[in-house]
Amino acid sequence: MIGECPIVAALTPFRVDGGVDYGALGDYLDLLAAAGVPSVLVGGTTGEFASMTVRERKQVLEFCRGRWSRQLIAQVGSSAVGDVVELVVHANDVADGVAVIAPYFFAGPPEAGVEAFYTRVLRFARKPVLLYNFPRHTQVALAPDLLERLAARFPMVVGVKDSGKDVAVTREYKTRCPHFAVLLGDDRVGARLGELGLDGVVTGAGGPVAELPVAIAAAARLGDSGAARRWQTVFDRYTDRRKSTPLPDIAFAKSAAAARLPGFPTHVRPPLTAATPDLTADIADFLRTEIIPEFG
């Protein structure tokens, strides 16, 4: 069940005073539901988890559980193993599954240390677990043999969310653990999952136009490769525009969400910076003229 895709990593909207804007968060979840999204991941990179307190992360998850009736996955990673355990125990009672990013800040810890970190955390998990590989942010690459060992020891480990952009490593995950749901954090591959032999996509920045990854996945399930490619071409235009701006992906996504939901706040927490009003207006114009008409 945890592999039901696409999975959208939710934004966390903030008020101008820095607090979580729960009204806007509810509106965003409603937008994802209307787009047909089957699964939402809360507290991921797109959700700015690294700038949130443990208390805030619990509160956001609880709010989402009350608003979102479909599959809900809690990203519980932190650099402090005690915080991760606390979040796992909480998620056991609230979410349908958990995702655990590798410990960050330590910049290249030994594999034995990473394994010890996961061992301490996973023994508390009572819901299906996705391990989360994002070496660009964590400076820790989850080796395929490490995943294989953890999966053998902890049956609740059912998959991996891989944002590493190394297809050879991604395929090795599947070779080592063929029963795993191997999910890619890459908005450009949805139409090619079959040829890659992989299982799904997790998108964060694509959430404001979630109709597109949903349409790609639906076409792929029906075996309509032509339709999947056509929808992928539109999604790629959106991704190209995102990559062409000087903004962090999160700031771009919040500006895109504001184009769909008037009044959606574009604030981000430091050290990230938000789009200027002019750039937010440009992004909105791009969506309204070139992207939304494709599915709206």
Protein backbone atom coordinates (compact mmCIF):
# COMPACT_ATOMS: atom_id res chain seq x y z
CA MET A 1 0.00 0.00 0.00
CA ILE A 2 2.82 2.43 0.79
CA GLY A 3 3.89 2.32 -2.84
CA GLU A 4 0.61 3.77 -4.19
CA CYS A 5 1.82 6.53 -6.49
CA PRO A 6 2.34 9.26 -7.26
CA ILE A 7 3.20 10.33 -3.74
CA VAL A 8 3.19 14.10 -3.27
CA ALA A 9 5.49 15.55 -0.62
CA ALA A 10 3.38 18.31 0.86
CA LEU A 11 4.40 21.92 1.31
CA THR A 12 4.20 23.47 4.77
CA PRO A 13 2.73 26.96 4.39
CA PHE A 14 3.87 29.57 6.90
CA ARG A 15 2.26 32.81 8.03
CA VAL A 16 4.23 36.05 7.87
CA ASP A 17 5.06 35.62 11.59
CA GLY A 18 6.61 32.21 10.86
CA GLY A 19 3.88 30.01 12.30
CA VAL A 20 2.25 27.21 10.33
CA ASP A 21 -0.74 28.41 8.31
CA TYR A 22 -3.16 25.55 8.85
CA GLY A 23 -5.90 27.11 6.78
CA ALA A 24 -3.61 27.23 3.76
CA LEU A 25 -2.35 23.72 4.49
CA GLY A 26 -5.91 22.42 4.46
CA ASP A 27 -6.59 24.18 1.16
CA TYR A 28 -3.46 22.64 -0.34
CA LEU A 29 -4.45 19.14 0.77
CA ASP A 30 -7.88 19.72 -0.78
CA LEU A 31 -6.18 20.73 -4.05
CA LEU A 32 -4.16 17.49 -4.03
CA ALA A 33 -7.26 15.43 -3.28
CA ALA A 34 -9.16 17.07 -6.15
CA ALA A 35 -6.24 16.27 -8.46
CA GLY A 36 -6.57 12.57 -7.60
CA VAL A 37 -3.40 12.22 -5.55
CA PRO A 38 -3.50 8.86 -3.72
CA SER A 39 -0.69 9.44 -1.21
CA VAL A 40 0.78 12.40 0.64
CA LEU A 41 4.11 12.55 2.45
CA VAL A 42 4.24 15.05 5.30
CA GLY A 43 7.40 16.51 6.79
CA GLY A 44 9.67 15.82 3.86
CA THR A 45 12.29 18.05 2.30
CA THR A 46 9.56 19.98 0.45
CA GLY A 47 7.78 20.44 3.78
CA GLU A 48 10.84 22.19 5.28
CA PHE A 49 11.09 19.63 8.08
CA ALA A 50 14.67 20.61 8.89
CA SER A 51 13.51 24.06 10.02
CA MET A 52 10.66 22.75 12.17
CA THR A 53 10.55 21.65 15.79
CA VAL A 54 9.50 18.13 16.77
CA ARG A 55 6.34 19.58 18.29
CA GLU A 56 5.46 21.40 15.08
CA ARG A 57 6.07 18.27 13.01
CA LYS A 58 3.70 16.27 15.21
CA GLN A 59 1.04 18.96 15.04
CA VAL A 60 1.26 19.19 11.25
CA LEU A 61 0.98 15.42 10.91
CA GLU A 62 -2.05 15.31 13.19
CA PHE A 63 -3.73 18.11 11.23
CA CYS A 64 -3.08 16.31 7.95
CA ARG A 65 -4.51 13.08 9.34
CA GLY A 66 -7.70 14.92 10.20
CA ARG A 67 -7.93 16.49 6.75
CA TRP A 68 -6.52 13.74 4.48
CA SER A 69 -8.42 10.45 4.19
CA ARG A 70 -6.06 8.71 1.77
CA GLN A 71 -2.61 7.26 2.38
CA LEU A 72 -0.52 9.45 4.69
CA ILE A 73 3.22 8.97 5.13
CA ALA A 74 5.21 10.77 7.82
CA GLN A 75 8.83 11.67 7.12
CA VAL A 76 10.42 11.39 10.56
CA GLY A 77 14.13 11.90 9.88
CA SER A 78 16.37 14.15 11.95
CA SER A 79 20.04 14.37 12.84
CA ALA A 80 19.21 13.45 16.46
CA VAL A 81 18.29 9.78 16.77
CA GLY A 82 16.16 10.48 19.85
CA ASP A 83 14.00 12.91 17.88
CA VAL A 84 13.54 10.31 15.15
CA VAL A 85 12.43 7.69 17.67
CA GLU A 86 9.95 10.16 19.18
CA LEU A 87 8.53 10.96 15.75
CA VAL A 88 8.33 7.28 14.76
CA VAL A 89 6.42 6.40 17.93
CA HIS A 90 4.03 9.28 17.26
CA ALA A 91 3.58 8.34 13.60
CA ASN A 92 2.74 4.76 14.56
CA ASP A 93 -0.57 6.09 15.88
CA VAL A 94 -1.26 8.73 13.22
CA ALA A 95 0.18 7.83 9.81
CA ASP A 96 -0.13 4.88 7.44
CA GLY A 97 3.62 4.66 6.99
CA VAL A 98 6.88 6.43 7.71
CA ALA A 99 9.88 7.58 5.68
CA VAL A 100 13.27 8.01 7.33
CA ILE A 101 15.93 10.16 5.68
CA ALA A 102 19.55 9.34 6.45
CA PRO A 103 21.15 11.30 9.31
CA TYR A 104 22.48 14.61 8.05
CA PHE A 105 25.05 17.22 9.12
CA PHE A 106 27.72 14.61 9.92
CA ALA A 107 29.05 14.68 6.32
CA GLY A 108 30.10 11.19 5.42
CA PRO A 109 29.79 9.09 8.59
CA PRO A 110 30.94 5.45 8.35
CA GLU A 111 28.39 2.97 7.04
CA ALA A 112 28.47 1.15 10.37
CA GLY A 113 27.32 4.35 12.06
CA VAL A 114 24.49 4.87 9.59
CA GLU A 115 23.41 1.26 10.12
CA ALA A 116 23.46 1.75 13.89
CA PHE A 117 21.31 4.88 13.47
CA TYR A 118 18.69 3.03 11.44
CA THR A 119 18.82 -0.01 13.72
CA ARG A 120 17.97 2.09 16.75
CA VAL A 121 15.10 3.79 14.90
CA LEU A 122 13.57 0.86 13.03
CA ARG A 123 13.01 -1.30 16.07
CA PHE A 124 10.31 1.19 17.11
CA ALA A 125 8.46 1.21 13.77
CA ARG A 126 5.03 -0.40 13.69
CA LYS A 127 4.01 0.90 10.27
CA PRO A 128 5.57 0.26 6.84
CA VAL A 129 8.83 2.13 6.36
CA LEU A 130 10.44 3.80 3.36
CA LEU A 131 14.14 4.51 3.69
CA TYR A 132 15.01 7.86 2.12
CA ASN A 133 18.19 8.41 0.12
CA PHE A 134 19.02 12.06 -0.63
CA PRO A 135 22.82 12.36 -0.60
CA ARG A 136 22.88 15.89 -2.02
CA HIS A 137 21.36 17.13 1.24
CA THR A 138 22.56 14.56 3.76
CA GLN A 139 26.07 13.84 2.44
CA VAL A 140 25.20 10.20 3.13
CA ALA A 141 24.51 7.77 0.29
CA LEU A 142 22.52 4.72 1.35
CA ALA A 143 24.41 1.77 -0.12
CA PRO A 144 22.34 -1.03 -1.68
CA ASP A 145 23.94 -3.65 0.58
CA LEU A 146 22.99 -1.58 3.64
CA LEU A 147 19.36 -1.49 2.51
CA GLU A 148 19.46 -5.22 1.90
CA ARG A 149 20.71 -5.89 5.43
CA LEU A 150 18.16 -3.58 7.03
CA ALA A 151 15.31 -5.11 5.04
CA ALA A 152 16.38 -8.59 6.14
CA ARG A 153 16.38 -7.56 9.79
CA PHE A 154 13.28 -5.35 9.82
CA PRO A 155 10.26 -6.65 7.88
CA MET A 156 8.54 -3.27 8.21
CA VAL A 157 11.05 -1.83 5.72
CA VAL A 158 9.14 -2.11 2.45
CA GLY A 159 10.83 0.34 0.10
CA VAL A 160 13.12 3.23 -0.61
CA LYS A 161 12.55 6.77 -1.80
CA ASP A 162 15.61 7.57 -3.88
CA SER A 163 16.49 11.17 -4.74
CA GLY A 164 20.11 10.35 -5.48
CA LYS A 165 19.87 10.73 -9.29
CA ASP A 166 22.17 7.73 -9.84
CA VAL A 167 20.19 5.23 -11.90
CA ALA A 168 22.78 2.49 -11.37
CA VAL A 169 22.31 2.72 -7.61
CA THR A 170 18.53 2.87 -7.97
CA ARG A 171 18.49 -0.28 -10.08
CA GLU A 172 20.80 -2.01 -7.61
CA TYR A 173 18.25 -1.32 -4.87
CA LYS A 174 15.71 -3.23 -6.94
CA THR A 175 18.14 -6.05 -7.73
CA ARG A 176 19.08 -6.50 -4.07
CA CYS A 177 15.51 -6.14 -2.81
CA PRO A 178 13.12 -7.13 -5.63
CA HIS A 179 10.14 -7.00 -3.26
CA PHE A 180 10.90 -3.35 -2.43
CA ALA A 181 8.86 -0.43 -3.68
CA VAL A 182 11.63 1.61 -5.30
CA LEU A 183 10.35 5.16 -5.72
CA LEU A 184 12.20 7.94 -7.51
CA GLY A 185 12.35 11.56 -6.42
CA ASP A 186 12.62 12.71 -10.02
CA ASP A 187 9.85 14.54 -11.87
CA ARG A 188 11.20 13.58 -15.30
CA VAL A 189 10.92 9.78 -15.14
CA GLY A 190 7.24 9.01 -14.55
CA ALA A 191 6.58 7.95 -18.15
CA ARG A 192 9.66 5.67 -18.16
CA LEU A 193 9.16 3.73 -14.94
CA GLY A 194 8.26 0.55 -16.81
CA GLU A 195 11.44 0.51 -18.88
CA LEU A 196 13.48 1.34 -15.77
CA GLY A 197 11.84 -1.49 -13.84
CA LEU A 198 10.93 0.81 -10.96
CA ASP A 199 7.74 1.37 -9.03
CA GLY A 200 6.74 4.99 -8.70
CA VAL A 201 7.52 8.65 -8.27
CA VAL A 202 7.55 10.99 -5.29
CA THR A 203 7.18 14.64 -6.28
CA GLY A 204 7.47 17.69 -4.09
CA ALA A 205 7.80 20.69 -6.37
CA GLY A 206 5.26 19.10 -8.72
CA GLY A 207 2.52 19.19 -6.11
CA PRO A 208 0.96 22.46 -7.30
CA VAL A 209 0.32 20.79 -10.67
CA ALA A 210 -0.36 17.33 -9.26
CA GLU A 211 -2.83 16.64 -12.06
CA LEU A 212 0.21 15.98 -14.28
CA PRO A 213 1.99 13.22 -12.32
CA VAL A 214 -1.42 11.70 -11.59
CA ALA A 215 -2.21 11.62 -15.33
CA ILE A 216 1.21 10.15 -16.15
CA ALA A 217 0.76 7.37 -13.60
CA ALA A 218 -2.78 6.62 -14.77
CA ALA A 219 -1.70 6.36 -18.41
CA ALA A 220 1.22 4.13 -17.47
CA ARG A 221 -1.04 1.80 -15.50
CA LEU A 222 -3.28 1.45 -18.57
CA GLY A 223 -0.29 0.71 -20.78
CA ASP A 224 -0.88 3.88 -22.80
CA SER A 225 2.73 4.92 -23.28
CA GLY A 226 1.81 7.61 -25.79
CA ALA A 227 -0.46 9.40 -23.34
CA ALA A 228 2.10 9.00 -20.57
CA ARG A 229 4.75 10.63 -22.76
CA ARG A 230 2.40 13.47 -23.74
CA TRP A 231 1.64 14.27 -20.11
CA GLN A 232 5.31 13.91 -19.26
CA THR A 233 6.17 16.52 -21.89
CA VAL A 234 3.88 19.02 -20.17
CA PHE A 235 5.30 18.17 -16.75
CA ASP A 236 8.81 18.59 -18.15
CA ARG A 237 7.92 22.13 -19.29
CA TYR A 238 6.96 22.92 -15.73
CA THR A 239 10.18 21.38 -14.44
CA ASP A 240 12.26 23.27 -17.00
CA ARG A 241 10.75 26.55 -15.83
CA ARG A 242 11.40 25.63 -12.20
CA LYS A 243 15.02 24.80 -12.96
CA SER A 244 15.50 28.05 -14.89
CA THR A 245 14.73 30.28 -11.90
CA PRO A 246 17.21 31.22 -9.16
CA LEU A 247 14.79 29.97 -6.53
CA PRO A 248 15.04 26.95 -4.24
CA ASP A 249 12.54 24.31 -5.36
CA ILE A 250 10.44 24.92 -2.25
CA ALA A 251 10.12 28.64 -2.92
CA PHE A 252 9.15 27.97 -6.54
CA ALA A 253 6.56 25.41 -5.46
CA LYS A 254 5.01 27.83 -2.98
CA SER A 255 4.72 30.48 -5.68
CA ALA A 256 3.15 27.90 -7.98
CA ALA A 257 0.72 26.91 -5.24
CA ALA A 258 -0.25 30.56 -4.87
CA ALA A 259 -1.19 30.57 -8.56
CA ARG A 260 -3.64 27.74 -7.88
CA LEU A 261 -4.83 28.94 -4.47
CA PRO A 262 -5.15 32.74 -4.23
CA GLY A 263 -3.76 33.90 -0.91
CA PHE A 264 -1.55 30.85 -0.38
CA PRO A 265 1.49 32.19 1.51
CA THR A 266 4.85 32.03 -0.23
CA HIS A 267 6.90 32.56 2.94
CA VAL A 268 9.73 30.14 3.69
CA ARG A 269 11.82 29.80 6.83
CA PRO A 270 15.42 30.98 6.89
CA PRO A 271 17.93 30.17 5.56
CA LEU A 272 15.70 29.74 2.48
CA THR A 273 14.45 32.85 0.72
CA ALA A 274 11.09 33.36 -0.95
CA ALA A 275 10.34 34.55 -4.46
CA THR A 276 10.00 38.27 -5.00
CA PRO A 277 6.49 39.52 -5.81
CA ASP A 278 7.50 40.05 -9.43
CA LEU A 279 8.86 36.52 -9.78
CA THR A 280 5.79 35.09 -8.07
CA ALA A 281 3.64 36.94 -10.61
CA ASP A 282 5.76 35.61 -13.49
CA ILE A 283 5.38 32.03 -12.21
CA ALA A 284 1.62 32.50 -11.89
CA ASP A 285 1.40 33.84 -15.43
CA PHE A 286 3.41 30.87 -16.74
CA LEU A 287 1.14 28.37 -15.01
CA ARG A 288 -2.06 30.07 -16.11
CA THR A 289 -1.05 30.42 -19.75
CA GLU A 290 1.10 27.35 -20.44
CA ILE A 291 0.42 24.61 -17.89
CA ILE A 292 -3.04 24.76 -16.32
CA PRO A 293 -4.87 24.93 -19.71
CA GLU A 294 -3.39 21.52 -20.53
CA PHE A 295 -5.47 19.87 -17.81
CA GLY A 296 -7.80 22.53 -16.42
